[in-house]
Amino acid sequence: PKHRRGLLYQIVKGVFANQLVMCVLTGLLYNVLSGGHIPQVMFLTLQTCGNAFSALAAFHIGLTMVGKTGKLKGRRFTWPLVLASLKVLASGIITQKMAAFLMPKDKKFQ
């Protein structure tokens, strides 16, 4: 039980130390406290940041791998390569499908 408590503490600490989790929780807290109203200047700033999120997330994943690829040899390198490839493929497909869904039903957009 004490060992599990220490492990649970480490997991919770790791989750809440994640910047993405903290941003989501902060946003939810602000939404509850403000009733969902965001000043226009803040909305435009957040919208610009949100538009850049996908590229920044991929960049962040790349940065976290820097220096670690030397340790990944042979079979250990397979999964990161497969996951990165799937992410690139899925991102393109999802973006295309979202654009097709949001665009007017015109033949030139499909």
PDB file of N, CA and C in Angstrom:
ATOM      1  N   PRO A   1       0.809  -1.215   0.000  1.00  0.00           N
ATOM      2  CA  PRO A   1       0.000   0.000   0.000  1.00  0.00           C
ATOM      3  C   PRO A   1       0.847   1.271   0.000  1.00  0.00           C
ATOM      4  N   LYS A   2       1.924   1.314   0.823  1.00  0.00           N
ATOM      5  CA  LYS A   2       2.745   2.520   0.846  1.00  0.00           C
ATOM      6  C   LYS A   2       3.471   2.675  -0.489  1.00  0.00           C
ATOM      7  N   HIS A   3       3.928   1.555  -1.049  1.00  0.00           N
ATOM      8  CA  HIS A   3       4.594   1.583  -2.351  1.00  0.00           C
ATOM      9  C   HIS A   3       3.633   2.085  -3.429  1.00  0.00           C
ATOM     10  N   ARG A   4       2.376   1.619  -3.372  1.00  0.00           N
ATOM     11  CA  ARG A   4       1.374   2.044  -4.350  1.00  0.00           C
ATOM     12  C   ARG A   4       1.043   3.513  -4.199  1.00  0.00           C
ATOM     13  N   ARG A   5       0.989   3.980  -2.959  1.00  0.00           N
ATOM     14  CA  ARG A   5       0.719   5.390  -2.714  1.00  0.00           C
ATOM     15  C   ARG A   5       1.813   6.258  -3.306  1.00  0.00           C
ATOM     16  N   GLY A   6       3.068   5.826  -3.148  1.00  0.00           N
ATOM     17  CA  GLY A   6       4.181   6.571  -3.721  1.00  0.00           C
ATOM     18  C   GLY A   6       4.141   6.569  -5.240  1.00  0.00           C
ATOM     19  N   LEU A   7       3.770   5.433  -5.818  1.00  0.00           N
ATOM     20  CA  LEU A   7       3.649   5.337  -7.267  1.00  0.00           C
ATOM     21  C   LEU A   7       2.508   6.209  -7.770  1.00  0.00           C
ATOM     22  N   LEU A   8       1.378   6.161  -7.079  1.00  0.00           N
ATOM     23  CA  LEU A   8       0.234   6.986  -7.448  1.00  0.00           C
ATOM     24  C   LEU A   8       0.587   8.472  -7.361  1.00  0.00           C
ATOM     25  N   TYR A   9       1.313   8.840  -6.323  1.00  0.00           N
ATOM     26  CA  TYR A   9       1.741  10.227  -6.173  1.00  0.00           C
ATOM     27  C   TYR A   9       2.627  10.647  -7.345  1.00  0.00           C
ATOM     28  N   GLN A  10       3.550   9.797  -7.741  1.00  0.00           N
ATOM     29  CA  GLN A  10       4.441  10.102  -8.860  1.00  0.00           C
ATOM     30  C   GLN A  10       3.661  10.257 -10.166  1.00  0.00           C
ATOM     31  N   ILE A  11       2.651   9.402 -10.370  1.00  0.00           N
ATOM     32  CA  ILE A  11       1.836   9.490 -11.581  1.00  0.00           C
ATOM     33  C   ILE A  11       1.039  10.791 -11.603  1.00  0.00           C
ATOM     34  N   VAL A  12       0.363  11.098 -10.489  1.00  0.00           N
ATOM     35  CA  VAL A  12      -0.437  12.335 -10.416  1.00  0.00           C
ATOM     36  C   VAL A  12       0.458  13.559 -10.569  1.00  0.00           C
ATOM     37  N   LYS A  13       1.608  13.532  -9.936  1.00  0.00           N
ATOM     38  CA  LYS A  13       2.555  14.649 -10.055  1.00  0.00           C
ATOM     39  C   LYS A  13       3.011  14.815 -11.499  1.00  0.00           C
ATOM     40  N   GLY A  14       3.289  13.704 -12.170  1.00  0.00           N
ATOM     41  CA  GLY A  14       3.706  13.763 -13.569  1.00  0.00           C
ATOM     42  C   GLY A  14       2.621  14.297 -14.487  1.00  0.00           C
ATOM     43  N   VAL A  15       1.376  13.898 -14.237  1.00  0.00           N
ATOM     44  CA  VAL A  15       0.267  14.367 -15.066  1.00  0.00           C
ATOM     45  C   VAL A  15       0.061  15.869 -14.881  1.00  0.00           C
ATOM     46  N   PHE A  16       0.067  16.327 -13.643  1.00  0.00           N
ATOM     47  CA  PHE A  16      -0.170  17.747 -13.400  1.00  0.00           C
ATOM     48  C   PHE A  16       1.040  18.617 -13.712  1.00  0.00           C
ATOM     49  N   ALA A  17       2.209  18.016 -13.869  1.00  0.00           N
ATOM     50  CA  ALA A  17       3.392  18.779 -14.276  1.00  0.00           C
ATOM     51  C   ALA A  17       3.413  18.982 -15.788  1.00  0.00           C
ATOM     52  N   ASN A  18       2.569  18.259 -16.503  1.00  0.00           N
ATOM     53  CA  ASN A  18       2.489  18.388 -17.957  1.00  0.00           C
ATOM     54  C   ASN A  18       1.852  19.737 -18.302  1.00  0.00           C
ATOM     55  N   GLN A  19       2.509  20.498 -19.152  1.00  0.00           N
ATOM     56  CA  GLN A  19       2.026  21.838 -19.496  1.00  0.00           C
ATOM     57  C   GLN A  19       0.684  21.796 -20.195  1.00  0.00           C
ATOM     58  N   LEU A  20       0.469  20.799 -21.038  1.00  0.00           N
ATOM     59  CA  LEU A  20      -0.788  20.714 -21.765  1.00  0.00           C
ATOM     60  C   LEU A  20      -1.958  20.476 -20.813  1.00  0.00           C
ATOM     61  N   VAL A  21      -1.762  19.598 -19.852  1.00  0.00           N
ATOM     62  CA  VAL A  21      -2.814  19.328 -18.863  1.00  0.00           C
ATOM     63  C   VAL A  21      -3.089  20.586 -18.048  1.00  0.00           C
ATOM     64  N   MET A  22      -2.044  21.280 -17.652  1.00  0.00           N
ATOM     65  CA  MET A  22      -2.229  22.508 -16.862  1.00  0.00           C
ATOM     66  C   MET A  22      -2.969  23.578 -17.662  1.00  0.00           C
ATOM     67  N   CYS A  23      -2.671  23.701 -18.954  1.00  0.00           N
ATOM     68  CA  CYS A  23      -3.367  24.688 -19.785  1.00  0.00           C
ATOM     69  C   CYS A  23      -4.848  24.347 -19.915  1.00  0.00           C
ATOM     70  N   VAL A  24      -5.154  23.070 -20.113  1.00  0.00           N
ATOM     71  CA  VAL A  24      -6.555  22.656 -20.225  1.00  0.00           C
ATOM     72  C   VAL A  24      -7.288  22.920 -18.913  1.00  0.00           C
ATOM     73  N   LEU A  25      -6.687  22.550 -17.795  1.00  0.00           N
ATOM     74  CA  LEU A  25      -7.336  22.772 -16.501  1.00  0.00           C
ATOM     75  C   LEU A  25      -7.509  24.256 -16.203  1.00  0.00           C
ATOM     76  N   THR A  26      -6.511  25.059 -16.538  1.00  0.00           N
ATOM     77  CA  THR A  26      -6.611  26.508 -16.344  1.00  0.00           C
ATOM     78  C   THR A  26      -7.732  27.085 -17.208  1.00  0.00           C
ATOM     79  N   GLY A  27      -7.827  26.608 -18.453  1.00  0.00           N
ATOM     80  CA  GLY A  27      -8.894  27.064 -19.338  1.00  0.00           C
ATOM     81  C   GLY A  27     -10.266  26.694 -18.829  1.00  0.00           C
ATOM     82  N   LEU A  28     -10.401  25.473 -18.326  1.00  0.00           N
ATOM     83  CA  LEU A  28     -11.684  25.049 -17.765  1.00  0.00           C
ATOM     84  C   LEU A  28     -12.055  25.871 -16.536  1.00  0.00           C
ATOM     85  N   LEU A  29     -11.071  26.125 -15.679  1.00  0.00           N
ATOM     86  CA  LEU A  29     -11.321  26.932 -14.489  1.00  0.00           C
ATOM     87  C   LEU A  29     -11.752  28.343 -14.872  1.00  0.00           C
ATOM     88  N   TYR A  30     -11.074  28.947 -15.856  1.00  0.00           N
ATOM     89  CA  TYR A  30     -11.433  30.288 -16.306  1.00  0.00           C
ATOM     90  C   TYR A  30     -12.846  30.289 -16.887  1.00  0.00           C
ATOM     91  N   ASN A  31     -13.170  29.242 -17.654  1.00  0.00           N
ATOM     92  CA  ASN A  31     -14.494  29.154 -18.257  1.00  0.00           C
ATOM     93  C   ASN A  31     -15.581  29.093 -17.194  1.00  0.00           C
ATOM     94  N   VAL A  32     -15.345  28.326 -16.141  1.00  0.00           N
ATOM     95  CA  VAL A  32     -16.330  28.213 -15.060  1.00  0.00           C
ATOM     96  C   VAL A  32     -16.454  29.541 -14.313  1.00  0.00           C
ATOM     97  N   LEU A  33     -15.326  30.176 -14.023  1.00  0.00           N
ATOM     98  CA  LEU A  33     -15.360  31.419 -13.251  1.00  0.00           C
ATOM     99  C   LEU A  33     -15.926  32.595 -14.034  1.00  0.00           C
ATOM    100  N   SER A  34     -15.664  32.642 -15.341  1.00  0.00           N
ATOM    101  CA  SER A  34     -16.103  33.794 -16.129  1.00  0.00           C
ATOM    102  C   SER A  34     -17.444  33.568 -16.814  1.00  0.00           C
ATOM    103  N   GLY A  35     -17.974  32.388 -16.719  1.00  0.00           N
ATOM    104  CA  GLY A  35     -19.239  32.114 -17.385  1.00  0.00           C
ATOM    105  C   GLY A  35     -19.070  31.911 -18.883  1.00  0.00           C
ATOM    106  N   GLY A  36     -17.866  31.685 -19.333  1.00  0.00           N
ATOM    107  CA  GLY A  36     -17.615  31.416 -20.746  1.00  0.00           C
ATOM    108  C   GLY A  36     -17.382  32.645 -21.599  1.00  0.00           C
ATOM    109  N   HIS A  37     -17.292  33.816 -20.996  1.00  0.00           N
ATOM    110  CA  HIS A  37     -17.078  35.041 -21.769  1.00  0.00           C
ATOM    111  C   HIS A  37     -15.593  35.382 -21.805  1.00  0.00           C
ATOM    112  N   ILE A  38     -15.072  35.538 -23.021  1.00  0.00           N
ATOM    113  CA  ILE A  38     -13.662  35.881 -23.208  1.00  0.00           C
ATOM    114  C   ILE A  38     -13.595  37.237 -23.891  1.00  0.00           C
ATOM    115  N   PRO A  39     -12.764  38.150 -23.389  1.00  0.00           N
ATOM    116  CA  PRO A  39     -12.609  39.435 -24.073  1.00  0.00           C
ATOM    117  C   PRO A  39     -12.119  39.220 -25.515  1.00  0.00           C
ATOM    118  N   GLN A  40     -12.530  40.095 -26.420  1.00  0.00           N
ATOM    119  CA  GLN A  40     -12.223  39.951 -27.847  1.00  0.00           C
ATOM    120  C   GLN A  40     -10.727  39.860 -28.119  1.00  0.00           C
ATOM    121  N   VAL A  41      -9.927  40.673 -27.446  1.00  0.00           N
ATOM    122  CA  VAL A  41      -8.475  40.651 -27.657  1.00  0.00           C
ATOM    123  C   VAL A  41      -7.909  39.283 -27.267  1.00  0.00           C
ATOM    124  N   MET A  42      -8.379  38.769 -26.142  1.00  0.00           N
ATOM    125  CA  MET A  42      -7.902  37.458 -25.689  1.00  0.00           C
ATOM    126  C   MET A  42      -8.382  36.365 -26.646  1.00  0.00           C
ATOM    127  N   PHE A  43      -9.608  36.491 -27.146  1.00  0.00           N
ATOM    128  CA  PHE A  43     -10.139  35.503 -28.078  1.00  0.00           C
ATOM    129  C   PHE A  43      -9.297  35.437 -29.343  1.00  0.00           C
ATOM    130  N   LEU A  44      -8.964  36.591 -29.906  1.00  0.00           N
ATOM    131  CA  LEU A  44      -8.155  36.612 -31.134  1.00  0.00           C
ATOM    132  C   LEU A  44      -6.763  36.031 -30.892  1.00  0.00           C
ATOM    133  N   THR A  45      -6.177  36.329 -29.739  1.00  0.00           N
ATOM    134  CA  THR A  45      -4.860  35.788 -29.403  1.00  0.00           C
ATOM    135  C   THR A  45      -4.921  34.278 -29.246  1.00  0.00           C
ATOM    136  N   LEU A  46      -5.915  33.797 -28.532  1.00  0.00           N
ATOM    137  CA  LEU A  46      -6.060  32.358 -28.338  1.00  0.00           C
ATOM    138  C   LEU A  46      -6.392  31.640 -29.640  1.00  0.00           C
ATOM    139  N   GLN A  47      -7.153  32.272 -30.494  1.00  0.00           N
ATOM    140  CA  GLN A  47      -7.480  31.669 -31.782  1.00  0.00           C
ATOM    141  C   GLN A  47      -6.220  31.517 -32.634  1.00  0.00           C
ATOM    142  N   THR A  48      -5.358  32.523 -32.619  1.00  0.00           N
ATOM    143  CA  THR A  48      -4.096  32.448 -33.358  1.00  0.00           C
ATOM    144  C   THR A  48      -3.213  31.346 -32.801  1.00  0.00           C
ATOM    145  N   CYS A  49      -3.133  31.258 -31.491  1.00  0.00           N
ATOM    146  CA  CYS A  49      -2.333  30.188 -30.870  1.00  0.00           C
ATOM    147  C   CYS A  49      -2.913  28.820 -31.177  1.00  0.00           C
ATOM    148  N   GLY A  50      -4.230  28.714 -31.163  1.00  0.00           N
ATOM    149  CA  GLY A  50      -4.884  27.446 -31.465  1.00  0.00           C
ATOM    150  C   GLY A  50      -4.644  26.995 -32.891  1.00  0.00           C
ATOM    151  N   ASN A  51      -4.579  27.936 -33.813  1.00  0.00           N
ATOM    152  CA  ASN A  51      -4.311  27.593 -35.208  1.00  0.00           C
ATOM    153  C   ASN A  51      -2.909  27.022 -35.379  1.00  0.00           C
ATOM    154  N   ALA A  52      -1.998  27.439 -34.547  1.00  0.00           N
ATOM    155  CA  ALA A  52      -0.612  26.971 -34.655  1.00  0.00           C
ATOM    156  C   ALA A  52      -0.345  25.728 -33.818  1.00  0.00           C
ATOM    157  N   PHE A  53      -1.345  25.223 -33.102  1.00  0.00           N
ATOM    158  CA  PHE A  53      -1.121  24.136 -32.158  1.00  0.00           C
ATOM    159  C   PHE A  53      -0.582  22.873 -32.820  1.00  0.00           C
ATOM    160  N   SER A  54      -1.157  22.461 -33.938  1.00  0.00           N
ATOM    161  CA  SER A  54      -0.733  21.205 -34.575  1.00  0.00           C
ATOM    162  C   SER A  54       0.735  21.244 -34.948  1.00  0.00           C
ATOM    163  N   ALA A  55       1.152  22.332 -35.557  1.00  0.00           N
ATOM    164  CA  ALA A  55       2.555  22.436 -35.953  1.00  0.00           C
ATOM    165  C   ALA A  55       3.454  22.478 -34.724  1.00  0.00           C
ATOM    166  N   LEU A  56       3.045  23.192 -33.703  1.00  0.00           N
ATOM    167  CA  LEU A  56       3.859  23.275 -32.497  1.00  0.00           C
ATOM    168  C   LEU A  56       3.915  21.949 -31.750  1.00  0.00           C
ATOM    169  N   ALA A  57       2.819  21.200 -31.765  1.00  0.00           N
ATOM    170  CA  ALA A  57       2.815  19.894 -31.109  1.00  0.00           C
ATOM    171  C   ALA A  57       3.786  18.953 -31.800  1.00  0.00           C
ATOM    172  N   ALA A  58       3.777  18.949 -33.129  1.00  0.00           N
ATOM    173  CA  ALA A  58       4.722  18.101 -33.868  1.00  0.00           C
ATOM    174  C   ALA A  58       6.158  18.555 -33.609  1.00  0.00           C
ATOM    175  N   PHE A  59       6.367  19.860 -33.551  1.00  0.00           N
ATOM    176  CA  PHE A  59       7.700  20.391 -33.268  1.00  0.00           C
ATOM    177  C   PHE A  59       8.158  19.975 -31.867  1.00  0.00           C
ATOM    178  N   HIS A  60       7.238  20.024 -30.901  1.00  0.00           N
ATOM    179  CA  HIS A  60       7.567  19.635 -29.530  1.00  0.00           C
ATOM    180  C   HIS A  60       7.934  18.151 -29.442  1.00  0.00           C
ATOM    181  N   ILE A  61       7.193  17.319 -30.160  1.00  0.00           N
ATOM    182  CA  ILE A  61       7.516  15.888 -30.177  1.00  0.00           C
ATOM    183  C   ILE A  61       8.910  15.689 -30.749  1.00  0.00           C
ATOM    184  N   GLY A  62       9.223  16.417 -31.800  1.00  0.00           N
ATOM    185  CA  GLY A  62      10.560  16.325 -32.383  1.00  0.00           C
ATOM    186  C   GLY A  62      11.635  16.771 -31.408  1.00  0.00           C
ATOM    187  N   LEU A  63      11.362  17.849 -30.680  1.00  0.00           N
ATOM    188  CA  LEU A  63      12.351  18.340 -29.717  1.00  0.00           C
ATOM    189  C   LEU A  63      12.590  17.351 -28.587  1.00  0.00           C
ATOM    190  N   THR A  64      11.537  16.667 -28.159  1.00  0.00           N
ATOM    191  CA  THR A  64      11.716  15.716 -27.065  1.00  0.00           C
ATOM    192  C   THR A  64      12.505  14.498 -27.514  1.00  0.00           C
ATOM    193  N   MET A  65      12.525  14.240 -28.816  1.00  0.00           N
ATOM    194  CA  MET A  65      13.277  13.099 -29.323  1.00  0.00           C
ATOM    195  C   MET A  65      14.752  13.436 -29.579  1.00  0.00           C
ATOM    196  N   VAL A  66      15.071  14.725 -29.630  1.00  0.00           N
ATOM    197  CA  VAL A  66      16.454  15.122 -29.890  1.00  0.00           C
ATOM    198  C   VAL A  66      17.349  14.592 -28.781  1.00  0.00           C
ATOM    199  N   GLY A  67      18.399  13.957 -29.168  1.00  0.00           N
ATOM    200  CA  GLY A  67      19.327  13.402 -28.199  1.00  0.00           C
ATOM    201  C   GLY A  67      18.957  12.005 -27.760  1.00  0.00           C
ATOM    202  N   LYS A  68      17.720  11.612 -27.974  1.00  0.00           N
ATOM    203  CA  LYS A  68      17.283  10.276 -27.576  1.00  0.00           C
ATOM    204  C   LYS A  68      17.402   9.281 -28.716  1.00  0.00           C
ATOM    205  N   THR A  69      17.505   9.787 -29.949  1.00  0.00           N
ATOM    206  CA  THR A  69      17.554   8.869 -31.081  1.00  0.00           C
ATOM    207  C   THR A  69      18.852   8.078 -31.105  1.00  0.00           C
ATOM    208  N   GLY A  70      19.888   8.593 -30.493  1.00  0.00           N
ATOM    209  CA  GLY A  70      21.143   7.845 -30.417  1.00  0.00           C
ATOM    210  C   GLY A  70      21.003   6.581 -29.590  1.00  0.00           C
ATOM    211  N   LYS A  71      20.096   6.597 -28.635  1.00  0.00           N
ATOM    212  CA  LYS A  71      19.854   5.436 -27.778  1.00  0.00           C
ATOM    213  C   LYS A  71      18.951   4.412 -28.458  1.00  0.00           C
ATOM    214  N   LEU A  72      18.229   4.875 -29.478  1.00  0.00           N
ATOM    215  CA  LEU A  72      17.290   3.991 -30.169  1.00  0.00           C
ATOM    216  C   LEU A  72      17.989   3.334 -31.347  1.00  0.00           C
ATOM    217  N   LYS A  73      18.278   2.075 -31.228  1.00  0.00           N
ATOM    218  CA  LYS A  73      18.932   1.313 -32.292  1.00  0.00           C
ATOM    219  C   LYS A  73      18.067   0.113 -32.639  1.00  0.00           C
ATOM    220  N   GLY A  74      18.091  -0.274 -33.878  1.00  0.00           N
ATOM    221  CA  GLY A  74      17.418  -1.490 -34.317  1.00  0.00           C
ATOM    222  C   GLY A  74      15.929  -1.478 -34.056  1.00  0.00           C
ATOM    223  N   ARG A  75      15.467  -2.487 -33.337  1.00  0.00           N
ATOM    224  CA  ARG A  75      14.032  -2.654 -33.090  1.00  0.00           C
ATOM    225  C   ARG A  75      13.463  -1.545 -32.202  1.00  0.00           C
ATOM    226  N   ARG A  76      14.287  -0.945 -31.355  1.00  0.00           N
ATOM    227  CA  ARG A  76      13.791   0.119 -30.460  1.00  0.00           C
ATOM    228  C   ARG A  76      13.440   1.372 -31.254  1.00  0.00           C
ATOM    229  N   PHE A  77      14.002   1.503 -32.448  1.00  0.00           N
ATOM    230  CA  PHE A  77      13.737   2.672 -33.286  1.00  0.00           C
ATOM    231  C   PHE A  77      12.466   2.494 -34.110  1.00  0.00           C
ATOM    232  N   THR A  78      11.964   1.268 -34.209  1.00  0.00           N
ATOM    233  CA  THR A  78      10.818   0.970 -35.063  1.00  0.00           C
ATOM    234  C   THR A  78       9.553   1.684 -34.602  1.00  0.00           C
ATOM    235  N   TRP A  79       9.199   1.554 -33.318  1.00  0.00           N
ATOM    236  CA  TRP A  79       7.941   2.143 -32.839  1.00  0.00           C
ATOM    237  C   TRP A  79       7.897   3.663 -32.962  1.00  0.00           C
ATOM    238  N   PRO A  80       8.923   4.400 -32.557  1.00  0.00           N
ATOM    239  CA  PRO A  80       8.852   5.851 -32.769  1.00  0.00           C
ATOM    240  C   PRO A  80       8.705   6.230 -34.244  1.00  0.00           C
ATOM    241  N   LEU A  81       9.365   5.474 -35.113  1.00  0.00           N
ATOM    242  CA  LEU A  81       9.262   5.749 -36.545  1.00  0.00           C
ATOM    243  C   LEU A  81       7.852   5.449 -37.052  1.00  0.00           C
ATOM    244  N   VAL A  82       7.284   4.326 -36.638  1.00  0.00           N
ATOM    245  CA  VAL A  82       5.923   3.965 -37.048  1.00  0.00           C
ATOM    246  C   VAL A  82       4.917   4.984 -36.516  1.00  0.00           C
ATOM    247  N   LEU A  83       5.048   5.355 -35.245  1.00  0.00           N
ATOM    248  CA  LEU A  83       4.108   6.316 -34.656  1.00  0.00           C
ATOM    249  C   LEU A  83       4.215   7.685 -35.318  1.00  0.00           C
ATOM    250  N   ALA A  84       5.424   8.142 -35.598  1.00  0.00           N
ATOM    251  CA  ALA A  84       5.602   9.426 -36.266  1.00  0.00           C
ATOM    252  C   ALA A  84       5.009   9.384 -37.672  1.00  0.00           C
ATOM    253  N   SER A  85       5.196   8.287 -38.369  1.00  0.00           N
ATOM    254  CA  SER A  85       4.636   8.154 -39.716  1.00  0.00           C
ATOM    255  C   SER A  85       3.114   8.144 -39.679  1.00  0.00           C
ATOM    256  N   LEU A  86       2.544   7.406 -38.742  1.00  0.00           N
ATOM    257  CA  LEU A  86       1.086   7.380 -38.615  1.00  0.00           C
ATOM    258  C   LEU A  86       0.531   8.750 -38.257  1.00  0.00           C
ATOM    259  N   LYS A  87       1.244   9.474 -37.404  1.00  0.00           N
ATOM    260  CA  LYS A  87       0.796  10.813 -37.020  1.00  0.00           C
ATOM    261  C   LYS A  87       0.769  11.740 -38.231  1.00  0.00           C
ATOM    262  N   VAL A  88       1.807  11.679 -39.039  1.00  0.00           N
ATOM    263  CA  VAL A  88       1.864  12.531 -40.225  1.00  0.00           C
ATOM    264  C   VAL A  88       0.742  12.168 -41.187  1.00  0.00           C
ATOM    265  N   LEU A  89       0.525  10.890 -41.409  1.00  0.00           N
ATOM    266  CA  LEU A  89      -0.538  10.438 -42.298  1.00  0.00           C
ATOM    267  C   LEU A  89      -1.915  10.822 -41.764  1.00  0.00           C
ATOM    268  N   ALA A  90      -2.161  10.521 -40.504  1.00  0.00           N
ATOM    269  CA  ALA A  90      -3.463  10.810 -39.905  1.00  0.00           C
ATOM    270  C   ALA A  90      -3.736  12.310 -39.871  1.00  0.00           C
ATOM    271  N   SER A  91      -2.726  13.095 -39.596  1.00  0.00           N
ATOM    272  CA  SER A  91      -2.901  14.549 -39.542  1.00  0.00           C
ATOM    273  C   SER A  91      -3.347  15.088 -40.899  1.00  0.00           C
ATOM    274  N   GLY A  92      -2.718  14.622 -41.961  1.00  0.00           N
ATOM    275  CA  GLY A  92      -3.099  15.065 -43.303  1.00  0.00           C
ATOM    276  C   GLY A  92      -4.513  14.649 -43.670  1.00  0.00           C
ATOM    277  N   ILE A  93      -4.861  13.409 -43.366  1.00  0.00           N
ATOM    278  CA  ILE A  93      -6.198  12.902 -43.696  1.00  0.00           C
ATOM    279  C   ILE A  93      -7.261  13.639 -42.895  1.00  0.00           C
ATOM    280  N   ILE A  94      -7.019  13.817 -41.609  1.00  0.00           N
ATOM    281  CA  ILE A  94      -7.993  14.507 -40.757  1.00  0.00           C
ATOM    282  C   ILE A  94      -8.161  15.956 -41.202  1.00  0.00           C
ATOM    283  N   THR A  95      -7.071  16.624 -41.536  1.00  0.00           N
ATOM    284  CA  THR A  95      -7.156  18.011 -41.990  1.00  0.00           C
ATOM    285  C   THR A  95      -7.957  18.107 -43.281  1.00  0.00           C
ATOM    286  N   GLN A  96      -7.715  17.198 -44.209  1.00  0.00           N
ATOM    287  CA  GLN A  96      -8.450  17.208 -45.476  1.00  0.00           C
ATOM    288  C   GLN A  96      -9.936  16.966 -45.240  1.00  0.00           C
ATOM    289  N   LYS A  97     -10.259  16.003 -44.399  1.00  0.00           N
ATOM    290  CA  LYS A  97     -11.670  15.691 -44.130  1.00  0.00           C
ATOM    291  C   LYS A  97     -12.365  16.842 -43.416  1.00  0.00           C
ATOM    292  N   MET A  98     -11.666  17.491 -42.483  1.00  0.00           N
ATOM    293  CA  MET A  98     -12.259  18.633 -41.778  1.00  0.00           C
ATOM    294  C   MET A  98     -12.481  19.791 -42.738  1.00  0.00           C
ATOM    295  N   ALA A  99     -11.525  20.046 -43.620  1.00  0.00           N
ATOM    296  CA  ALA A  99     -11.675  21.129 -44.591  1.00  0.00           C
ATOM    297  C   ALA A  99     -12.831  20.840 -45.541  1.00  0.00           C
ATOM    298  N   ALA A 100     -12.944  19.585 -45.995  1.00  0.00           N
ATOM    299  CA  ALA A 100     -14.047  19.222 -46.888  1.00  0.00           C
ATOM    300  C   ALA A 100     -15.387  19.361 -46.172  1.00  0.00           C
ATOM    301  N   PHE A 101     -15.438  19.038 -44.888  1.00  0.00           N
ATOM    302  CA  PHE A 101     -16.676  19.145 -44.119  1.00  0.00           C
ATOM    303  C   PHE A 101     -17.071  20.606 -43.901  1.00  0.00           C
ATOM    304  N   LEU A 102     -16.081  21.464 -43.649  1.00  0.00           N
ATOM    305  CA  LEU A 102     -16.370  22.857 -43.327  1.00  0.00           C
ATOM    306  C   LEU A 102     -16.577  23.735 -44.552  1.00  0.00           C
ATOM    307  N   MET A 103     -16.059  23.328 -45.702  1.00  0.00           N
ATOM    308  CA  MET A 103     -16.193  24.129 -46.918  1.00  0.00           C
ATOM    309  C   MET A 103     -17.587  23.966 -47.496  1.00  0.00           C
ATOM    310  N   PRO A 104     -18.006  24.955 -48.279  1.00  0.00           N
ATOM    311  CA  PRO A 104     -19.304  24.818 -48.955  1.00  0.00           C
ATOM    312  C   PRO A 104     -19.271  23.626 -49.903  1.00  0.00           C
ATOM    313  N   LYS A 105     -20.416  23.044 -50.145  1.00  0.00           N
ATOM    314  CA  LYS A 105     -20.508  21.866 -51.022  1.00  0.00           C
ATOM    315  C   LYS A 105     -20.336  22.301 -52.468  1.00  0.00           C
ATOM    316  N   ASP A 106     -19.096  22.534 -52.852  1.00  0.00           N
ATOM    317  CA  ASP A 106     -18.756  22.952 -54.204  1.00  0.00           C
ATOM    318  C   ASP A 106     -17.724  21.974 -54.745  1.00  0.00           C
ATOM    319  N   LYS A 107     -17.840  21.588 -55.988  1.00  0.00           N
ATOM    320  CA  LYS A 107     -16.958  20.572 -56.565  1.00  0.00           C
ATOM    321  C   LYS A 107     -15.490  20.965 -56.536  1.00  0.00           C
ATOM    322  N   LYS A 108     -15.179  22.242 -56.646  1.00  0.00           N
ATOM    323  CA  LYS A 108     -13.784  22.665 -56.736  1.00  0.00           C
ATOM    324  C   LYS A 108     -13.033  22.495 -55.404  1.00  0.00           C
ATOM    325  N   PHE A 109     -13.732  22.331 -54.276  1.00  0.00           N
ATOM    326  CA  PHE A 109     -13.082  22.154 -52.982  1.00  0.00           C
ATOM    327  C   PHE A 109     -12.856  20.698 -52.634  1.00  0.00           C
ATOM    328  N   GLN A 110     -13.409  19.771 -53.396  1.00  0.00           N
ATOM    329  CA  GLN A 110     -13.303  18.356 -53.038  1.00  0.00           C
ATOM    330  C   GLN A 110     -12.302  17.633 -53.870  1.00  0.00           C
TER     331      GLN A 110
END
